[in-house]
């Protein structure tokens, strides 16, 4: 599922691209407002947004309506269908390379959510062919690599991101996780400590550092990080994993 900031950024980008695609007599301003409202609704009430977008597309809403419908499908959880549709949208839309790459990144995230990291990496590769220096694309491709067990490739992509943006917390946490999988615990600690110095309550960062502490036989430190995850982000997936790890720690299961 896309974060709110990612959706907001993509909406701003899409408005500029789709502004000329007015539907059944709408002015450009009206079409822009309708598109933005639909995309925002997809985050709050995706089922209703999908219905609205489908009806709008049937009345001539064109690519703006199609994009909103696909964004809603992604939020509903129909990830593979959304990913395929977003790939097609990126292929047919008459837009800049940067815009096409944004849509392909959205597709890659949907493929990751659908459990198909190979397709995600392929979408990211296409996005990078369009925008070779887009750091956000490298982050998504790194996630796809990691899900395939290609941890050095993931670390290499994330190193490019961190070189350009040393305070990128997401990239630091992901590279720390990749180093942990590679049993490079000192490197993992370094990245995770850097990330948590920037954002002390980052759930995934705390979860990962706790795992590295446990692997380093610092069980009290692991417990401290995992308890903080549960305290700071109790409804997150990281908290769920931290709870499971605490149970294993308490029961002596490795």
Protein backbone atom coordinates (compact mmCIF):
# COMPACT_ATOMS: atom_id res chain seq x y z
CA UNK A 1 0.00 0.00 0.00
CA UNK A 2 1.35 3.42 -0.88
CA UNK A 3 2.11 5.92 1.82
CA UNK A 4 0.10 9.15 1.93
CA UNK A 5 3.13 11.23 0.96
CA UNK A 6 3.75 9.06 -2.10
CA UNK A 7 0.13 9.45 -3.20
CA UNK A 8 0.23 13.22 -2.68
CA UNK A 9 3.40 13.51 -4.76
CA UNK A 10 1.98 11.36 -7.53
CA UNK A 11 -1.29 13.33 -7.56
CA UNK A 12 0.63 16.57 -8.07
CA UNK A 13 2.61 14.99 -10.90
CA UNK A 14 -0.45 13.48 -12.56
CA UNK A 15 -2.50 16.66 -12.40
CA UNK A 16 0.01 18.38 -14.65
CA UNK A 17 0.03 15.46 -17.11
CA UNK A 18 -3.70 14.81 -17.23
CA UNK A 19 -4.89 18.43 -17.17
CA UNK A 20 -5.68 18.39 -20.88
CA UNK A 21 -7.70 15.17 -20.65
CA UNK A 22 -11.12 16.70 -20.00
CA UNK A 23 -14.15 14.43 -20.05
CA UNK A 24 -17.56 14.89 -21.72
CA UNK A 25 -17.34 18.68 -21.85
CA UNK A 26 -15.50 19.24 -18.59
CA UNK A 27 -13.09 22.12 -18.54
CA UNK A 28 -9.46 21.34 -17.76
CA UNK A 29 -9.88 22.85 -14.30
CA UNK A 30 -12.95 20.68 -13.61
CA UNK A 31 -11.19 17.54 -14.84
CA UNK A 32 -8.17 18.36 -12.67
CA UNK A 33 -10.31 18.88 -9.58
CA UNK A 34 -12.25 15.66 -10.20
CA UNK A 35 -9.07 13.66 -10.68
CA UNK A 36 -7.45 15.00 -7.53
CA UNK A 37 -10.61 14.39 -5.47
CA UNK A 38 -10.83 10.83 -6.80
CA UNK A 39 -7.20 10.06 -5.96
CA UNK A 40 -7.61 11.43 -2.45
CA UNK A 41 -10.80 9.40 -2.01
CA UNK A 42 -8.93 6.25 -3.05
CA UNK A 43 -6.94 6.51 0.20
CA UNK A 44 -9.97 7.09 2.43
CA UNK A 45 -12.68 4.97 0.79
CA UNK A 46 -11.10 2.91 -2.00
CA UNK A 47 -14.22 0.89 -2.88
CA UNK A 48 -16.28 4.03 -3.40
CA UNK A 49 -13.42 5.65 -5.31
CA UNK A 50 -13.18 2.64 -7.60
CA UNK A 51 -16.91 2.84 -8.36
CA UNK A 52 -16.66 6.58 -9.02
CA UNK A 53 -13.61 6.17 -11.25
CA UNK A 54 -15.18 3.32 -13.23
CA UNK A 55 -18.31 5.37 -13.86
CA UNK A 56 -16.21 8.38 -14.79
CA UNK A 57 -14.12 6.31 -17.22
CA UNK A 58 -17.31 5.01 -18.84
CA UNK A 59 -18.39 8.60 -19.45
CA UNK A 60 -15.14 9.50 -21.14
CA UNK A 61 -12.88 10.23 -18.18
CA UNK A 62 -9.97 8.63 -19.99
CA UNK A 63 -6.56 8.09 -18.40
CA UNK A 64 -7.22 10.19 -15.26
CA UNK A 65 -10.20 7.99 -14.42
CA UNK A 66 -8.24 4.83 -15.24
CA UNK A 67 -5.37 5.89 -12.99
CA UNK A 68 -7.71 6.59 -10.10
CA UNK A 69 -9.39 3.21 -10.54
CA UNK A 70 -6.01 1.48 -10.45
CA UNK A 71 -4.92 3.41 -7.35
CA UNK A 72 -8.16 2.34 -5.66
CA UNK A 73 -7.60 -1.30 -6.68
CA UNK A 74 -4.19 -1.17 -5.06
CA UNK A 75 -5.65 0.17 -1.83
CA UNK A 76 -8.39 -2.50 -1.87
CA UNK A 77 -5.70 -5.16 -2.15
CA UNK A 78 -6.04 -6.28 -5.78
CA UNK A 79 -2.32 -5.79 -6.20
CA UNK A 80 -1.56 -7.87 -9.29
CA UNK A 81 -4.45 -6.38 -11.26
CA UNK A 82 -3.38 -2.89 -10.23
CA UNK A 83 0.25 -3.59 -11.12
CA UNK A 84 -0.63 -4.83 -14.61
CA UNK A 85 -2.91 -1.86 -15.23
CA UNK A 86 -0.29 0.62 -14.08
CA UNK A 87 2.29 -0.91 -16.42
CA UNK A 88 -0.13 -0.50 -19.33
CA UNK A 89 -0.91 3.06 -18.26
CA UNK A 90 2.77 3.97 -18.23
CA UNK A 91 3.11 2.50 -21.71
CA UNK A 92 0.21 4.37 -23.33
CA UNK A 93 0.18 7.74 -21.57
CA UNK A 94 1.70 10.58 -23.56
CA UNK A 95 3.84 12.10 -20.86
CA UNK A 96 7.38 12.83 -19.76
CA UNK A 97 9.85 10.11 -18.90
CA UNK A 98 9.74 11.24 -15.27
CA UNK A 99 5.98 10.78 -15.10
CA UNK A 100 6.09 7.35 -16.74
CA UNK A 101 8.77 6.33 -14.23
CA UNK A 102 6.55 7.45 -11.33
CA UNK A 103 3.72 5.24 -12.56
CA UNK A 104 6.13 2.32 -13.05
CA UNK A 105 7.35 2.74 -9.46
CA UNK A 106 3.74 2.55 -8.35
CA UNK A 107 3.42 -0.64 -10.39
CA UNK A 108 6.59 -2.07 -8.85
CA UNK A 109 5.24 -1.45 -5.35
CA UNK A 110 2.03 -3.22 -6.31
CA UNK A 111 4.00 -6.21 -7.64
CA UNK A 112 5.90 -6.37 -4.35
CA UNK A 113 2.62 -6.35 -2.45
CA UNK A 114 1.35 -9.08 -4.79
CA UNK A 115 4.32 -11.26 -3.90
CA UNK A 116 5.99 -11.05 -7.32
CA UNK A 117 9.39 -9.39 -6.77
CA UNK A 118 10.62 -10.47 -10.21
CA UNK A 119 7.92 -8.41 -11.93
CA UNK A 120 8.61 -5.59 -9.48
CA UNK A 121 12.30 -5.55 -10.39
CA UNK A 122 11.42 -5.57 -14.09
CA UNK A 123 9.11 -2.57 -13.65
CA UNK A 124 11.84 -0.77 -11.71
CA UNK A 125 14.38 -1.57 -14.44
CA UNK A 126 12.08 0.05 -17.00
CA UNK A 127 11.67 3.08 -14.75
CA UNK A 128 15.44 3.39 -14.39
CA UNK A 129 15.87 3.23 -18.16
CA UNK A 130 13.64 6.32 -18.29
CA UNK A 131 15.15 8.13 -15.28
CA UNK A 132 18.61 6.66 -14.55
CA UNK A 133 19.33 8.83 -11.51
CA UNK A 134 15.99 8.58 -9.69
CA UNK A 135 16.95 7.47 -6.18
CA UNK A 136 13.39 6.46 -5.29
CA UNK A 137 13.42 3.84 -8.03
CA UNK A 138 16.60 2.30 -6.64
CA UNK A 139 14.90 1.92 -3.24
CA UNK A 140 12.00 0.00 -4.77
CA UNK A 141 14.30 -2.18 -6.88
CA UNK A 142 16.38 -2.91 -3.79
CA UNK A 143 13.25 -4.13 -2.02
CA UNK A 144 12.50 -6.41 -4.97
CA UNK A 145 16.07 -7.73 -4.98
CA UNK A 146 15.95 -8.45 -1.24
CA UNK A 147 12.72 -10.40 -1.61
CA UNK A 148 14.51 -12.58 -4.16
CA UNK A 149 17.44 -13.15 -1.79
CA UNK A 150 19.75 -10.94 -3.88
CA UNK A 151 21.02 -9.04 -0.84
CA UNK A 152 24.29 -7.74 -2.29
CA UNK A 153 22.42 -6.31 -5.27
CA UNK A 154 19.95 -4.72 -2.86
CA UNK A 155 22.78 -3.24 -0.80
CA UNK A 156 24.44 -1.86 -3.94
CA UNK A 157 21.24 -0.08 -5.03
CA UNK A 158 20.73 1.32 -1.53
CA UNK A 159 24.35 2.49 -1.37
CA UNK A 160 23.67 4.64 -4.43
CA UNK A 161 20.68 6.17 -2.68
CA UNK A 162 22.58 6.81 0.57
CA UNK A 163 25.50 8.36 -1.33
CA UNK A 164 23.08 10.92 -2.78
CA UNK A 165 21.01 11.26 0.40
CA UNK A 166 22.96 10.25 3.54
CA UNK A 167 19.95 10.96 5.78
CA UNK A 168 17.53 8.70 3.91
CA UNK A 169 16.20 6.67 6.84
CA UNK A 170 14.30 4.14 4.70
CA UNK A 171 17.40 3.35 2.65
CA UNK A 172 19.57 3.02 5.76
CA UNK A 173 17.12 0.61 7.39
CA UNK A 174 16.76 -1.47 4.23
CA UNK A 175 20.52 -1.67 3.72
CA UNK A 176 20.94 -2.60 7.38
CA UNK A 177 18.44 -5.41 6.87
CA UNK A 178 20.31 -6.58 3.76
CA UNK A 179 23.64 -6.58 5.63
CA UNK A 180 22.01 -8.56 8.44
CA UNK A 181 20.91 -11.19 5.93
CA UNK A 182 24.49 -11.30 4.65
CA UNK A 183 25.74 -11.83 8.23
CA UNK A 184 27.62 -8.52 8.08
CA UNK A 185 26.39 -7.55 11.54
CA UNK A 186 28.83 -4.67 12.11
CA UNK A 187 27.69 -3.00 8.88
CA UNK A 188 24.06 -3.66 9.80
CA UNK A 189 24.53 -2.05 13.22
CA UNK A 190 26.16 0.99 11.65
CA UNK A 191 23.29 1.59 9.22
CA UNK A 192 20.55 0.93 11.77
CA UNK A 193 22.16 3.15 14.40
CA UNK A 194 22.48 5.94 11.82
CA UNK A 195 18.82 5.54 10.85
CA UNK A 196 17.61 5.52 14.45
CA UNK A 197 19.72 8.55 15.31
CA UNK A 198 17.71 10.38 12.64
CA UNK A 199 14.35 8.81 13.59
CA UNK A 200 14.52 7.11 17.03
CA UNK A 201 11.03 5.60 16.77
CA UNK A 202 11.26 4.15 13.26
CA UNK A 203 9.40 0.82 13.66
CA UNK A 204 11.25 -1.21 11.03
CA UNK A 205 14.59 0.23 12.18
CA UNK A 206 13.94 -0.80 15.78
CA UNK A 207 12.73 -4.23 14.70
CA UNK A 208 15.82 -4.84 12.59
CA UNK A 209 18.25 -3.57 15.23
CA UNK A 210 16.58 -5.85 17.75
CA UNK A 211 17.17 -8.80 15.44
CA UNK A 212 20.84 -7.83 15.05
CA UNK A 213 21.14 -7.52 18.84
CA UNK A 214 19.71 -11.01 19.25
CA UNK A 215 22.10 -12.43 16.67
CA UNK A 216 24.91 -10.72 18.58
CA UNK A 217 23.63 -12.39 21.79
CA UNK A 218 22.61 -9.05 23.32
CA UNK A 219 19.18 -10.29 24.34
CA UNK A 220 18.43 -7.44 26.76
CA UNK A 221 19.09 -4.87 24.02
CA UNK A 222 16.96 -6.85 21.58
CA UNK A 223 14.12 -6.89 24.08
CA UNK A 224 14.43 -3.15 24.59
CA UNK A 225 14.18 -2.37 20.87
CA UNK A 226 11.25 -4.72 20.30
CA UNK A 227 9.31 -3.37 23.27
CA UNK A 228 9.82 0.13 21.91
CA UNK A 229 8.36 -0.92 18.55
CA UNK A 230 5.25 -2.24 20.27
CA UNK A 231 4.95 0.90 22.39
CA UNK A 232 5.45 3.40 19.57
CA UNK A 233 3.64 1.64 16.69
CA UNK A 234 1.34 -0.98 18.26
CA UNK A 235 -0.74 -1.60 15.11
CA UNK A 236 2.15 -1.90 12.68
CA UNK A 237 3.50 -5.03 10.99
CA UNK A 238 6.80 -4.31 12.73
CA UNK A 239 5.05 -4.50 16.11
CA UNK A 240 3.48 -7.82 15.13
CA UNK A 241 6.92 -9.20 14.22
CA UNK A 242 8.45 -7.73 17.40
CA UNK A 243 5.78 -9.45 19.51
CA UNK A 244 6.51 -12.79 17.84
CA UNK A 245 10.25 -12.30 18.40
CA UNK A 246 9.69 -11.50 22.09
CA UNK A 247 7.67 -14.68 22.50
CA UNK A 248 10.51 -16.66 20.93
CA UNK A 249 13.02 -14.93 23.17
CA UNK A 250 10.98 -15.68 26.30
CA UNK A 251 10.47 -19.31 25.32
CA UNK A 252 14.08 -19.86 24.40
CA UNK A 253 13.29 -20.61 20.75
CA UNK A 254 15.98 -19.50 18.31
